[in-house]
């Protein structure tokens, strides 16, 4: 996806995990606070910065960890107050990359196809 759309990107970075130098967002699940690390940070040529957590269409954690991560990411973005920064849970469906950036993440709706109508490009 990134190579195919390189003309629309300034840069991208594959984030990693569990080190202070990587970009992480705190989230709470089942009473425990953890950090998740969005898979990709992508700077688009139109000035937007995407914080993207890529999931498989059949994500087994859709109702649990993914929900907690998705909602924490949206809270983080709202607190930034920067309309050029966006993010969410991203899947590939029918050769398009779709994003769910709702403040309340509903995996059952996502399983039924309730993703943003536009792809992330």
PDB file of N, CA and C in Angstrom:
ATOM      1  N   UNK A   1       0.824  -1.185   0.000  1.00  0.00           N
ATOM      2  CA  UNK A   1       0.000   0.000   0.000  1.00  0.00           C
ATOM      3  C   UNK A   1       0.872   1.252   0.000  1.00  0.00           C
ATOM      4  N   UNK A   2       1.876   1.295   0.838  1.00  0.00           N
ATOM      5  CA  UNK A   2       2.714   2.485   0.953  1.00  0.00           C
ATOM      6  C   UNK A   2       3.513   2.726  -0.323  1.00  0.00           C
ATOM      7  N   UNK A   3       4.111   1.683  -0.864  1.00  0.00           N
ATOM      8  CA  UNK A   3       4.885   1.836  -2.097  1.00  0.00           C
ATOM      9  C   UNK A   3       3.993   2.210  -3.276  1.00  0.00           C
ATOM     10  N   UNK A   4       2.826   1.618  -3.342  1.00  0.00           N
ATOM     11  CA  UNK A   4       1.896   1.882  -4.440  1.00  0.00           C
ATOM     12  C   UNK A   4       1.413   3.341  -4.426  1.00  0.00           C
ATOM     13  N   UNK A   5       1.323   3.937  -3.253  1.00  0.00           N
ATOM     14  CA  UNK A   5       0.816   5.301  -3.117  1.00  0.00           C
ATOM     15  C   UNK A   5       1.917   6.302  -2.770  1.00  0.00           C
ATOM     16  N   UNK A   6       3.142   5.987  -3.098  1.00  0.00           N
ATOM     17  CA  UNK A   6       4.273   6.835  -2.699  1.00  0.00           C
ATOM     18  C   UNK A   6       4.167   8.265  -3.224  1.00  0.00           C
ATOM     19  N   UNK A   7       3.495   8.485  -4.324  1.00  0.00           N
ATOM     20  CA  UNK A   7       3.349   9.848  -4.854  1.00  0.00           C
ATOM     21  C   UNK A   7       2.455  10.711  -3.966  1.00  0.00           C
ATOM     22  N   UNK A   8       1.673  10.079  -3.090  1.00  0.00           N
ATOM     23  CA  UNK A   8       0.782  10.811  -2.189  1.00  0.00           C
ATOM     24  C   UNK A   8       1.364  10.948  -0.780  1.00  0.00           C
ATOM     25  N   UNK A   9       2.602  10.474  -0.601  1.00  0.00           N
ATOM     26  CA  UNK A   9       3.220  10.449   0.720  1.00  0.00           C
ATOM     27  C   UNK A   9       4.520  11.236   0.729  1.00  0.00           C
ATOM     28  N   UNK A  10       4.792  11.912   1.835  1.00  0.00           N
ATOM     29  CA  UNK A  10       6.111  12.513   2.048  1.00  0.00           C
ATOM     30  C   UNK A  10       7.047  11.489   2.677  1.00  0.00           C
ATOM     31  N   UNK A  11       6.517  10.746   3.670  1.00  0.00           N
ATOM     32  CA  UNK A  11       7.293   9.714   4.326  1.00  0.00           C
ATOM     33  C   UNK A  11       6.361   8.802   5.113  1.00  0.00           C
ATOM     34  N   UNK A  12       6.881   7.664   5.514  1.00  0.00           N
ATOM     35  CA  UNK A  12       6.172   6.773   6.422  1.00  0.00           C
ATOM     36  C   UNK A  12       7.192   6.085   7.320  1.00  0.00           C
ATOM     37  N   UNK A  13       6.700   5.659   8.474  1.00  0.00           N
ATOM     38  CA  UNK A  13       7.566   5.010   9.450  1.00  0.00           C
ATOM     39  C   UNK A  13       6.835   3.812  10.035  1.00  0.00           C
ATOM     40  N   UNK A  14       7.481   2.652   9.996  1.00  0.00           N
ATOM     41  CA  UNK A  14       6.957   1.456  10.646  1.00  0.00           C
ATOM     42  C   UNK A  14       7.361   1.525  12.100  1.00  0.00           C
ATOM     43  N   UNK A  15       6.383   1.752  12.949  1.00  0.00           N
ATOM     44  CA  UNK A  15       6.608   1.864  14.384  1.00  0.00           C
ATOM     45  C   UNK A  15       6.971   0.489  14.936  1.00  0.00           C
ATOM     46  N   UNK A  16       7.631   0.469  16.045  1.00  0.00           N
ATOM     47  CA  UNK A  16       7.945  -0.785  16.715  1.00  0.00           C
ATOM     48  C   UNK A  16       7.335  -0.748  18.113  1.00  0.00           C
ATOM     49  N   UNK A  17       7.792  -1.609  19.003  1.00  0.00           N
ATOM     50  CA  UNK A  17       7.144  -1.729  20.307  1.00  0.00           C
ATOM     51  C   UNK A  17       8.135  -1.787  21.457  1.00  0.00           C
ATOM     52  N   UNK A  18       7.597  -1.458  22.619  1.00  0.00           N
ATOM     53  CA  UNK A  18       8.230  -1.710  23.908  1.00  0.00           C
ATOM     54  C   UNK A  18       9.544  -1.001  24.174  1.00  0.00           C
ATOM     55  N   UNK A  19       9.757   0.123  23.528  1.00  0.00           N
ATOM     56  CA  UNK A  19      10.917   0.941  23.845  1.00  0.00           C
ATOM     57  C   UNK A  19      10.472   2.388  23.915  1.00  0.00           C
ATOM     58  N   UNK A  20      11.126   3.138  24.746  1.00  0.00           N
ATOM     59  CA  UNK A  20      10.752   4.523  24.972  1.00  0.00           C
ATOM     60  C   UNK A  20      10.855   5.384  23.710  1.00  0.00           C
ATOM     61  N   UNK A  21      11.726   5.025  22.778  1.00  0.00           N
ATOM     62  CA  UNK A  21      11.895   5.853  21.582  1.00  0.00           C
ATOM     63  C   UNK A  21      10.807   5.622  20.529  1.00  0.00           C
ATOM     64  N   UNK A  22       9.929   4.645  20.720  1.00  0.00           N
ATOM     65  CA  UNK A  22       8.838   4.410  19.789  1.00  0.00           C
ATOM     66  C   UNK A  22       7.603   5.171  20.240  1.00  0.00           C
ATOM     67  N   UNK A  23       6.721   5.447  19.295  1.00  0.00           N
ATOM     68  CA  UNK A  23       5.516   6.211  19.585  1.00  0.00           C
ATOM     69  C   UNK A  23       4.453   5.292  20.165  1.00  0.00           C
ATOM     70  N   UNK A  24       4.025   5.573  21.376  1.00  0.00           N
ATOM     71  CA  UNK A  24       3.021   4.753  22.036  1.00  0.00           C
ATOM     72  C   UNK A  24       1.910   5.578  22.643  1.00  0.00           C
ATOM     73  N   UNK A  25       0.754   4.954  22.800  1.00  0.00           N
ATOM     74  CA  UNK A  25      -0.429   5.584  23.392  1.00  0.00           C
ATOM     75  C   UNK A  25      -0.927   4.668  24.497  1.00  0.00           C
ATOM     76  N   UNK A  26      -1.178   5.241  25.650  1.00  0.00           N
ATOM     77  CA  UNK A  26      -1.682   4.452  26.781  1.00  0.00           C
ATOM     78  C   UNK A  26      -3.145   4.094  26.555  1.00  0.00           C
ATOM     79  N   UNK A  27      -3.509   2.894  26.993  1.00  0.00           N
ATOM     80  CA  UNK A  27      -4.907   2.467  26.952  1.00  0.00           C
ATOM     81  C   UNK A  27      -5.179   1.588  28.163  1.00  0.00           C
ATOM     82  N   UNK A  28      -6.454   1.481  28.502  1.00  0.00           N
ATOM     83  CA  UNK A  28      -6.846   0.653  29.639  1.00  0.00           C
ATOM     84  C   UNK A  28      -7.749  -0.467  29.152  1.00  0.00           C
ATOM     85  N   UNK A  29      -7.457  -1.662  29.613  1.00  0.00           N
ATOM     86  CA  UNK A  29      -8.309  -2.805  29.316  1.00  0.00           C
ATOM     87  C   UNK A  29      -8.334  -3.716  30.538  1.00  0.00           C
ATOM     88  N   UNK A  30      -9.532  -4.075  30.959  1.00  0.00           N
ATOM     89  CA  UNK A  30      -9.738  -4.986  32.093  1.00  0.00           C
ATOM     90  C   UNK A  30      -9.000  -4.504  33.340  1.00  0.00           C
ATOM     91  N   UNK A  31      -9.020  -3.188  33.566  1.00  0.00           N
ATOM     92  CA  UNK A  31      -8.425  -2.623  34.765  1.00  0.00           C
ATOM     93  C   UNK A  31      -6.920  -2.463  34.728  1.00  0.00           C
ATOM     94  N   UNK A  32      -6.301  -2.816  33.633  1.00  0.00           N
ATOM     95  CA  UNK A  32      -4.859  -2.711  33.511  1.00  0.00           C
ATOM     96  C   UNK A  32      -4.500  -1.656  32.466  1.00  0.00           C
ATOM     97  N   UNK A  33      -3.508  -0.826  32.773  1.00  0.00           N
ATOM     98  CA  UNK A  33      -3.058   0.197  31.839  1.00  0.00           C
ATOM     99  C   UNK A  33      -1.836  -0.319  31.100  1.00  0.00           C
ATOM    100  N   UNK A  34      -1.895  -0.207  29.778  1.00  0.00           N
ATOM    101  CA  UNK A  34      -0.805  -0.674  28.912  1.00  0.00           C
ATOM    102  C   UNK A  34      -0.525   0.397  27.867  1.00  0.00           C
ATOM    103  N   UNK A  35       0.423   0.129  27.026  1.00  0.00           N
ATOM    104  CA  UNK A  35       0.746   1.022  25.918  1.00  0.00           C
ATOM    105  C   UNK A  35       0.627   0.241  24.632  1.00  0.00           C
ATOM    106  N   UNK A  36      -0.006   0.872  23.628  1.00  0.00           N
ATOM    107  CA  UNK A  36       0.017   0.256  22.308  1.00  0.00           C
ATOM    108  C   UNK A  36       0.743   1.186  21.356  1.00  0.00           C
ATOM    109  N   UNK A  37       1.296   0.591  20.334  1.00  0.00           N
ATOM    110  CA  UNK A  37       2.147   1.296  19.389  1.00  0.00           C
ATOM    111  C   UNK A  37       1.516   1.183  18.000  1.00  0.00           C
ATOM    112  N   UNK A  38       0.881   2.258  17.511  1.00  0.00           N
ATOM    113  CA  UNK A  38       0.269   2.175  16.177  1.00  0.00           C
ATOM    114  C   UNK A  38       1.292   1.668  15.164  1.00  0.00           C
ATOM    115  N   UNK A  39       0.833   0.838  14.252  1.00  0.00           N
ATOM    116  CA  UNK A  39       1.736   0.175  13.307  1.00  0.00           C
ATOM    117  C   UNK A  39       2.503   1.147  12.418  1.00  0.00           C
ATOM    118  N   UNK A  40       1.825   2.169  11.917  1.00  0.00           N
ATOM    119  CA  UNK A  40       2.462   3.085  10.967  1.00  0.00           C
ATOM    120  C   UNK A  40       2.142   4.535  11.293  1.00  0.00           C
ATOM    121  N   UNK A  41       3.134   5.382  11.106  1.00  0.00           N
ATOM    122  CA  UNK A  41       2.949   6.828  11.100  1.00  0.00           C
ATOM    123  C   UNK A  41       3.229   7.250   9.662  1.00  0.00           C
ATOM    124  N   UNK A  42       2.272   7.926   9.051  1.00  0.00           N
ATOM    125  CA  UNK A  42       2.355   8.246   7.627  1.00  0.00           C
ATOM    126  C   UNK A  42       2.112   9.731   7.426  1.00  0.00           C
ATOM    127  N   UNK A  43       3.059  10.403   6.798  1.00  0.00           N
ATOM    128  CA  UNK A  43       2.919  11.826   6.470  1.00  0.00           C
ATOM    129  C   UNK A  43       2.491  11.915   5.006  1.00  0.00           C
ATOM    130  N   UNK A  44       1.265  12.383   4.788  1.00  0.00           N
ATOM    131  CA  UNK A  44       0.713  12.510   3.445  1.00  0.00           C
ATOM    132  C   UNK A  44       1.175  13.819   2.820  1.00  0.00           C
ATOM    133  N   UNK A  45       1.237  13.856   1.498  1.00  0.00           N
ATOM    134  CA  UNK A  45       1.711  15.056   0.806  1.00  0.00           C
ATOM    135  C   UNK A  45       0.758  16.240   0.976  1.00  0.00           C
ATOM    136  N   UNK A  46      -0.483  16.000   1.388  1.00  0.00           N
ATOM    137  CA  UNK A  46      -1.410  17.100   1.645  1.00  0.00           C
ATOM    138  C   UNK A  46      -1.258  17.682   3.051  1.00  0.00           C
ATOM    139  N   UNK A  47      -0.255  17.206   3.802  1.00  0.00           N
ATOM    140  CA  UNK A  47       0.033  17.735   5.133  1.00  0.00           C
ATOM    141  C   UNK A  47      -0.545  16.939   6.284  1.00  0.00           C
ATOM    142  N   UNK A  48      -1.401  15.955   6.008  1.00  0.00           N
ATOM    143  CA  UNK A  48      -1.984  15.155   7.083  1.00  0.00           C
ATOM    144  C   UNK A  48      -0.970  14.149   7.614  1.00  0.00           C
ATOM    145  N   UNK A  49      -1.101  13.835   8.899  1.00  0.00           N
ATOM    146  CA  UNK A  49      -0.301  12.794   9.532  1.00  0.00           C
ATOM    147  C   UNK A  49      -1.260  11.718  10.003  1.00  0.00           C
ATOM    148  N   UNK A  50      -1.064  10.485   9.535  1.00  0.00           N
ATOM    149  CA  UNK A  50      -1.915   9.370   9.917  1.00  0.00           C
ATOM    150  C   UNK A  50      -1.241   8.464  10.920  1.00  0.00           C
ATOM    151  N   UNK A  51      -1.960   8.142  11.984  1.00  0.00           N
ATOM    152  CA  UNK A  51      -1.520   7.165  12.981  1.00  0.00           C
ATOM    153  C   UNK A  51      -2.394   5.930  12.756  1.00  0.00           C
ATOM    154  N   UNK A  52      -1.833   4.912  12.133  1.00  0.00           N
ATOM    155  CA  UNK A  52      -2.628   3.812  11.615  1.00  0.00           C
ATOM    156  C   UNK A  52      -2.300   2.488  12.297  1.00  0.00           C
ATOM    157  N   UNK A  53      -3.330   1.847  12.797  1.00  0.00           N
ATOM    158  CA  UNK A  53      -3.218   0.524  13.417  1.00  0.00           C
ATOM    159  C   UNK A  53      -3.865  -0.473  12.457  1.00  0.00           C
ATOM    160  N   UNK A  54      -3.052  -1.265  11.786  1.00  0.00           N
ATOM    161  CA  UNK A  54      -3.532  -2.176  10.753  1.00  0.00           C
ATOM    162  C   UNK A  54      -4.008  -3.478  11.400  1.00  0.00           C
ATOM    163  N   UNK A  55      -5.192  -3.913  10.978  1.00  0.00           N
ATOM    164  CA  UNK A  55      -5.762  -5.168  11.477  1.00  0.00           C
ATOM    165  C   UNK A  55      -6.229  -6.017  10.315  1.00  0.00           C
ATOM    166  N   UNK A  56      -6.275  -7.316  10.556  1.00  0.00           N
ATOM    167  CA  UNK A  56      -6.836  -8.243   9.606  1.00  0.00           C
ATOM    168  C   UNK A  56      -8.360  -8.133   9.676  1.00  0.00           C
ATOM    169  N   UNK A  57      -9.035  -8.386   8.571  1.00  0.00           N
ATOM    170  CA  UNK A  57     -10.503  -8.320   8.548  1.00  0.00           C
ATOM    171  C   UNK A  57     -11.098  -9.204   9.645  1.00  0.00           C
ATOM    172  N   UNK A  58     -10.494 -10.332   9.930  1.00  0.00           N
ATOM    173  CA  UNK A  58     -11.004 -11.248  10.944  1.00  0.00           C
ATOM    174  C   UNK A  58     -10.346 -11.066  12.304  1.00  0.00           C
ATOM    175  N   UNK A  59     -10.024  -9.852  12.670  1.00  0.00           N
ATOM    176  CA  UNK A  59      -9.336  -9.562  13.937  1.00  0.00           C
ATOM    177  C   UNK A  59     -10.048 -10.242  15.108  1.00  0.00           C
ATOM    178  N   UNK A  60      -9.360 -11.151  15.777  1.00  0.00           N
ATOM    179  CA  UNK A  60      -9.958 -11.879  16.898  1.00  0.00           C
ATOM    180  C   UNK A  60     -10.127 -11.025  18.142  1.00  0.00           C
ATOM    181  N   UNK A  61      -9.378  -9.930  18.229  1.00  0.00           N
ATOM    182  CA  UNK A  61      -9.458  -9.074  19.411  1.00  0.00           C
ATOM    183  C   UNK A  61     -10.360  -7.861  19.187  1.00  0.00           C
ATOM    184  N   UNK A  62     -11.192  -7.909  18.168  1.00  0.00           N
ATOM    185  CA  UNK A  62     -12.025  -6.770  17.805  1.00  0.00           C
ATOM    186  C   UNK A  62     -12.888  -6.221  18.931  1.00  0.00           C
ATOM    187  N   UNK A  63     -13.359  -7.093  19.807  1.00  0.00           N
ATOM    188  CA  UNK A  63     -14.237  -6.661  20.898  1.00  0.00           C
ATOM    189  C   UNK A  63     -13.467  -6.349  22.181  1.00  0.00           C
ATOM    190  N   UNK A  64     -12.198  -6.637  22.205  1.00  0.00           N
ATOM    191  CA  UNK A  64     -11.461  -6.507  23.457  1.00  0.00           C
ATOM    192  C   UNK A  64     -10.326  -5.490  23.308  1.00  0.00           C
ATOM    193  N   UNK A  65      -9.129  -5.983  23.085  1.00  0.00           N
ATOM    194  CA  UNK A  65      -7.961  -5.105  23.013  1.00  0.00           C
ATOM    195  C   UNK A  65      -8.066  -4.078  21.890  1.00  0.00           C
ATOM    196  N   UNK A  66      -8.529  -4.500  20.722  1.00  0.00           N
ATOM    197  CA  UNK A  66      -8.628  -3.566  19.598  1.00  0.00           C
ATOM    198  C   UNK A  66      -9.589  -2.435  19.927  1.00  0.00           C
ATOM    199  N   UNK A  67     -10.694  -2.745  20.560  1.00  0.00           N
ATOM    200  CA  UNK A  67     -11.659  -1.711  20.955  1.00  0.00           C
ATOM    201  C   UNK A  67     -11.004  -0.718  21.907  1.00  0.00           C
ATOM    202  N   UNK A  68     -10.310  -1.207  22.901  1.00  0.00           N
ATOM    203  CA  UNK A  68      -9.648  -0.333  23.877  1.00  0.00           C
ATOM    204  C   UNK A  68      -8.594   0.540  23.195  1.00  0.00           C
ATOM    205  N   UNK A  69      -7.814  -0.049  22.301  1.00  0.00           N
ATOM    206  CA  UNK A  69      -6.777   0.703  21.589  1.00  0.00           C
ATOM    207  C   UNK A  69      -7.405   1.755  20.679  1.00  0.00           C
ATOM    208  N   UNK A  70      -8.425   1.371  19.926  1.00  0.00           N
ATOM    209  CA  UNK A  70      -9.076   2.289  18.988  1.00  0.00           C
ATOM    210  C   UNK A  70      -9.651   3.500  19.711  1.00  0.00           C
ATOM    211  N   UNK A  71     -10.320   3.273  20.818  1.00  0.00           N
ATOM    212  CA  UNK A  71     -10.942   4.381  21.547  1.00  0.00           C
ATOM    213  C   UNK A  71      -9.890   5.265  22.216  1.00  0.00           C
ATOM    214  N   UNK A  72      -8.818   4.678  22.702  1.00  0.00           N
ATOM    215  CA  UNK A  72      -7.732   5.479  23.285  1.00  0.00           C
ATOM    216  C   UNK A  72      -7.044   6.323  22.219  1.00  0.00           C
ATOM    217  N   UNK A  73      -6.875   5.770  21.034  1.00  0.00           N
ATOM    218  CA  UNK A  73      -6.277   6.525  19.935  1.00  0.00           C
ATOM    219  C   UNK A  73      -7.147   7.733  19.591  1.00  0.00           C
ATOM    220  N   UNK A  74      -8.457   7.552  19.531  1.00  0.00           N
ATOM    221  CA  UNK A  74      -9.339   8.675  19.203  1.00  0.00           C
ATOM    222  C   UNK A  74      -9.310   9.746  20.303  1.00  0.00           C
ATOM    223  N   UNK A  75      -9.243   9.335  21.556  1.00  0.00           N
ATOM    224  CA  UNK A  75      -9.122  10.315  22.652  1.00  0.00           C
ATOM    225  C   UNK A  75      -7.808  11.084  22.533  1.00  0.00           C
ATOM    226  N   UNK A  76      -6.742  10.388  22.224  1.00  0.00           N
ATOM    227  CA  UNK A  76      -5.445  11.032  22.038  1.00  0.00           C
ATOM    228  C   UNK A  76      -5.528  12.079  20.927  1.00  0.00           C
ATOM    229  N   UNK A  77      -6.132  11.711  19.805  1.00  0.00           N
ATOM    230  CA  UNK A  77      -6.231  12.625  18.667  1.00  0.00           C
ATOM    231  C   UNK A  77      -7.067  13.859  18.999  1.00  0.00           C
ATOM    232  N   UNK A  78      -8.163  13.678  19.694  1.00  0.00           N
ATOM    233  CA  UNK A  78      -9.004  14.813  20.094  1.00  0.00           C
ATOM    234  C   UNK A  78      -8.210  15.755  20.991  1.00  0.00           C
ATOM    235  N   UNK A  79      -7.440  15.204  21.905  1.00  0.00           N
ATOM    236  CA  UNK A  79      -6.643  16.026  22.816  1.00  0.00           C
ATOM    237  C   UNK A  79      -5.536  16.797  22.102  1.00  0.00           C
ATOM    238  N   UNK A  80      -5.120  16.321  20.927  1.00  0.00           N
ATOM    239  CA  UNK A  80      -4.080  17.025  20.175  1.00  0.00           C
ATOM    240  C   UNK A  80      -4.624  18.312  19.557  1.00  0.00           C
ATOM    241  N   UNK A  81      -5.920  18.334  19.238  1.00  0.00           N
ATOM    242  CA  UNK A  81      -6.533  19.529  18.681  1.00  0.00           C
ATOM    243  C   UNK A  81      -5.981  19.919  17.311  1.00  0.00           C
ATOM    244  N   UNK A  82      -5.381  19.000  16.605  1.00  0.00           N
ATOM    245  CA  UNK A  82      -4.798  19.280  15.299  1.00  0.00           C
ATOM    246  C   UNK A  82      -5.589  18.517  14.243  1.00  0.00           C
ATOM    247  N   UNK A  83      -6.303  19.234  13.396  1.00  0.00           N
ATOM    248  CA  UNK A  83      -7.158  18.588  12.399  1.00  0.00           C
ATOM    249  C   UNK A  83      -6.374  17.882  11.298  1.00  0.00           C
ATOM    250  N   UNK A  84      -5.083  18.132  11.227  1.00  0.00           N
ATOM    251  CA  UNK A  84      -4.256  17.464  10.215  1.00  0.00           C
ATOM    252  C   UNK A  84      -3.738  16.114  10.701  1.00  0.00           C
ATOM    253  N   UNK A  85      -3.964  15.796  11.970  1.00  0.00           N
ATOM    254  CA  UNK A  85      -3.558  14.499  12.508  1.00  0.00           C
ATOM    255  C   UNK A  85      -4.816  13.649  12.651  1.00  0.00           C
ATOM    256  N   UNK A  86      -4.771  12.461  12.067  1.00  0.00           N
ATOM    257  CA  UNK A  86      -5.916  11.560  12.134  1.00  0.00           C
ATOM    258  C   UNK A  86      -5.392  10.143  12.345  1.00  0.00           C
ATOM    259  N   UNK A  87      -6.289   9.249  12.610  1.00  0.00           N
ATOM    260  CA  UNK A  87      -5.862   7.870  12.776  1.00  0.00           C
ATOM    261  C   UNK A  87      -7.023   6.966  13.064  1.00  0.00           C
ATOM    262  N   UNK A  88      -6.714   5.689  13.146  1.00  0.00           N
ATOM    263  CA  UNK A  88      -7.735   4.713  13.448  1.00  0.00           C
ATOM    264  C   UNK A  88      -7.284   3.312  13.098  1.00  0.00           C
ATOM    265  N   UNK A  89      -8.232   2.404  13.224  1.00  0.00           N
ATOM    266  CA  UNK A  89      -8.025   1.016  12.858  1.00  0.00           C
ATOM    267  C   UNK A  89      -8.216   0.921  11.342  1.00  0.00           C
ATOM    268  N   UNK A  90      -7.266   0.285  10.674  1.00  0.00           N
ATOM    269  CA  UNK A  90      -7.271   0.220   9.217  1.00  0.00           C
ATOM    270  C   UNK A  90      -7.307  -1.240   8.774  1.00  0.00           C
ATOM    271  N   UNK A  91      -8.141  -1.517   7.762  1.00  0.00           N
ATOM    272  CA  UNK A  91      -8.167  -2.854   7.150  1.00  0.00           C
ATOM    273  C   UNK A  91      -8.089  -2.702   5.637  1.00  0.00           C
ATOM    274  N   UNK A  92      -7.709  -3.799   4.984  1.00  0.00           N
ATOM    275  CA  UNK A  92      -7.774  -3.832   3.532  1.00  0.00           C
ATOM    276  C   UNK A  92      -8.976  -4.679   3.144  1.00  0.00           C
ATOM    277  N   UNK A  93      -9.823  -4.094   2.309  1.00  0.00           N
ATOM    278  CA  UNK A  93     -10.997  -4.809   1.824  1.00  0.00           C
ATOM    279  C   UNK A  93     -11.168  -4.474   0.347  1.00  0.00           C
ATOM    280  N   UNK A  94     -11.203  -5.489  -0.494  1.00  0.00           N
ATOM    281  CA  UNK A  94     -11.385  -5.308  -1.943  1.00  0.00           C
ATOM    282  C   UNK A  94     -10.408  -4.293  -2.523  1.00  0.00           C
ATOM    283  N   UNK A  95      -9.146  -4.429  -2.206  1.00  0.00           N
ATOM    284  CA  UNK A  95      -8.073  -3.577  -2.733  1.00  0.00           C
ATOM    285  C   UNK A  95      -8.139  -2.135  -2.260  1.00  0.00           C
ATOM    286  N   UNK A  96      -8.966  -1.828  -1.279  1.00  0.00           N
ATOM    287  CA  UNK A  96      -9.009  -0.489  -0.696  1.00  0.00           C
ATOM    288  C   UNK A  96      -8.596  -0.598   0.764  1.00  0.00           C
ATOM    289  N   UNK A  97      -7.987   0.461   1.255  1.00  0.00           N
ATOM    290  CA  UNK A  97      -7.630   0.520   2.668  1.00  0.00           C
ATOM    291  C   UNK A  97      -8.652   1.419   3.344  1.00  0.00           C
ATOM    292  N   UNK A  98      -9.429   0.849   4.254  1.00  0.00           N
ATOM    293  CA  UNK A  98     -10.517   1.552   4.922  1.00  0.00           C
ATOM    294  C   UNK A  98     -10.142   1.820   6.367  1.00  0.00           C
ATOM    295  N   UNK A  99     -10.705   2.873   6.923  1.00  0.00           N
ATOM    296  CA  UNK A  99     -10.365   3.275   8.283  1.00  0.00           C
ATOM    297  C   UNK A  99     -11.618   3.408   9.129  1.00  0.00           C
ATOM    298  N   UNK A 100     -11.518   2.997  10.377  1.00  0.00           N
ATOM    299  CA  UNK A 100     -12.562   3.267  11.355  1.00  0.00           C
ATOM    300  C   UNK A 100     -11.978   4.248  12.348  1.00  0.00           C
ATOM    301  N   UNK A 101     -12.533   5.449  12.368  1.00  0.00           N
ATOM    302  CA  UNK A 101     -12.032   6.483  13.267  1.00  0.00           C
ATOM    303  C   UNK A 101     -13.143   7.046  14.141  1.00  0.00           C
ATOM    304  N   UNK A 102     -14.071   6.193  14.533  1.00  0.00           N
ATOM    305  CA  UNK A 102     -15.171   6.583  15.420  1.00  0.00           C
ATOM    306  C   UNK A 102     -14.668   6.666  16.861  1.00  0.00           C
ATOM    307  N   UNK A 103     -15.277   7.549  17.637  1.00  0.00           N
ATOM    308  CA  UNK A 103     -14.863   7.686  19.039  1.00  0.00           C
ATOM    309  C   UNK A 103     -15.241   6.461  19.864  1.00  0.00           C
ATOM    310  N   UNK A 104     -16.329   5.775  19.482  1.00  0.00           N
ATOM    311  CA  UNK A 104     -16.713   4.515  20.118  1.00  0.00           C
ATOM    312  C   UNK A 104     -16.590   3.436  19.055  1.00  0.00           C
ATOM    313  N   UNK A 105     -15.731   2.482  19.306  1.00  0.00           N
ATOM    314  CA  UNK A 105     -15.421   1.429  18.345  1.00  0.00           C
ATOM    315  C   UNK A 105     -16.379   0.273  18.542  1.00  0.00           C
ATOM    316  N   UNK A 106     -17.119  -0.082  17.494  1.00  0.00           N
ATOM    317  CA  UNK A 106     -18.100  -1.168  17.557  1.00  0.00           C
ATOM    318  C   UNK A 106     -17.694  -2.250  16.562  1.00  0.00           C
ATOM    319  N   UNK A 107     -17.026  -3.298  17.046  1.00  0.00           N
ATOM    320  CA  UNK A 107     -16.500  -4.335  16.176  1.00  0.00           C
ATOM    321  C   UNK A 107     -17.604  -5.061  15.409  1.00  0.00           C
ATOM    322  N   UNK A 108     -18.766  -5.245  16.014  1.00  0.00           N
ATOM    323  CA  UNK A 108     -19.846  -5.934  15.309  1.00  0.00           C
ATOM    324  C   UNK A 108     -20.272  -5.145  14.077  1.00  0.00           C
ATOM    325  N   UNK A 109     -20.336  -3.828  14.183  1.00  0.00           N
ATOM    326  CA  UNK A 109     -20.648  -3.006  13.009  1.00  0.00           C
ATOM    327  C   UNK A 109     -19.527  -3.110  11.979  1.00  0.00           C
ATOM    328  N   UNK A 110     -18.293  -3.127  12.449  1.00  0.00           N
ATOM    329  CA  UNK A 110     -17.163  -3.246  11.527  1.00  0.00           C
ATOM    330  C   UNK A 110     -17.209  -4.567  10.776  1.00  0.00           C
ATOM    331  N   UNK A 111     -17.551  -5.632  11.476  1.00  0.00           N
ATOM    332  CA  UNK A 111     -17.647  -6.938  10.819  1.00  0.00           C
ATOM    333  C   UNK A 111     -18.712  -6.934   9.721  1.00  0.00           C
ATOM    334  N   UNK A 112     -19.723  -6.101   9.907  1.00  0.00           N
ATOM    335  CA  UNK A 112     -20.799  -6.004   8.907  1.00  0.00           C
ATOM    336  C   UNK A 112     -20.485  -4.989   7.824  1.00  0.00           C
ATOM    337  N   UNK A 113     -19.294  -4.374   7.872  1.00  0.00           N
ATOM    338  CA  UNK A 113     -18.892  -3.464   6.809  1.00  0.00           C
ATOM    339  C   UNK A 113     -19.008  -1.996   7.142  1.00  0.00           C
ATOM    340  N   UNK A 114     -19.187  -1.624   8.403  1.00  0.00           N
ATOM    341  CA  UNK A 114     -19.338  -0.219   8.785  1.00  0.00           C
ATOM    342  C   UNK A 114     -17.968   0.436   8.976  1.00  0.00           C
ATOM    343  N   UNK A 115     -17.342   0.755   7.865  1.00  0.00           N
ATOM    344  CA  UNK A 115     -16.061   1.440   7.848  1.00  0.00           C
ATOM    345  C   UNK A 115     -16.269   2.759   7.125  1.00  0.00           C
ATOM    346  N   UNK A 116     -15.324   3.658   7.224  1.00  0.00           N
ATOM    347  CA  UNK A 116     -15.428   4.922   6.499  1.00  0.00           C
ATOM    348  C   UNK A 116     -15.628   4.621   5.014  1.00  0.00           C
ATOM    349  N   UNK A 117     -16.499   5.374   4.374  1.00  0.00           N
ATOM    350  CA  UNK A 117     -16.786   5.151   2.957  1.00  0.00           C
ATOM    351  C   UNK A 117     -15.578   5.415   2.075  1.00  0.00           C
ATOM    352  N   UNK A 118     -14.755   6.346   2.473  1.00  0.00           N
ATOM    353  CA  UNK A 118     -13.571   6.686   1.679  1.00  0.00           C
ATOM    354  C   UNK A 118     -12.379   5.894   2.170  1.00  0.00           C
ATOM    355  N   UNK A 119     -11.500   5.560   1.233  1.00  0.00           N
ATOM    356  CA  UNK A 119     -10.281   4.922   1.687  1.00  0.00           C
ATOM    357  C   UNK A 119      -9.362   6.013   2.249  1.00  0.00           C
ATOM    358  N   UNK A 120      -8.256   5.641   2.828  1.00  0.00           N
ATOM    359  CA  UNK A 120      -7.419   6.620   3.525  1.00  0.00           C
ATOM    360  C   UNK A 120      -6.649   7.509   2.583  1.00  0.00           C
ATOM    361  N   UNK A 121      -6.695   7.268   1.293  1.00  0.00           N
ATOM    362  CA  UNK A 121      -6.027   8.135   0.329  1.00  0.00           C
ATOM    363  C   UNK A 121      -7.057   9.021  -0.290  1.00  0.00           C
TER     364      UNK A 121
END
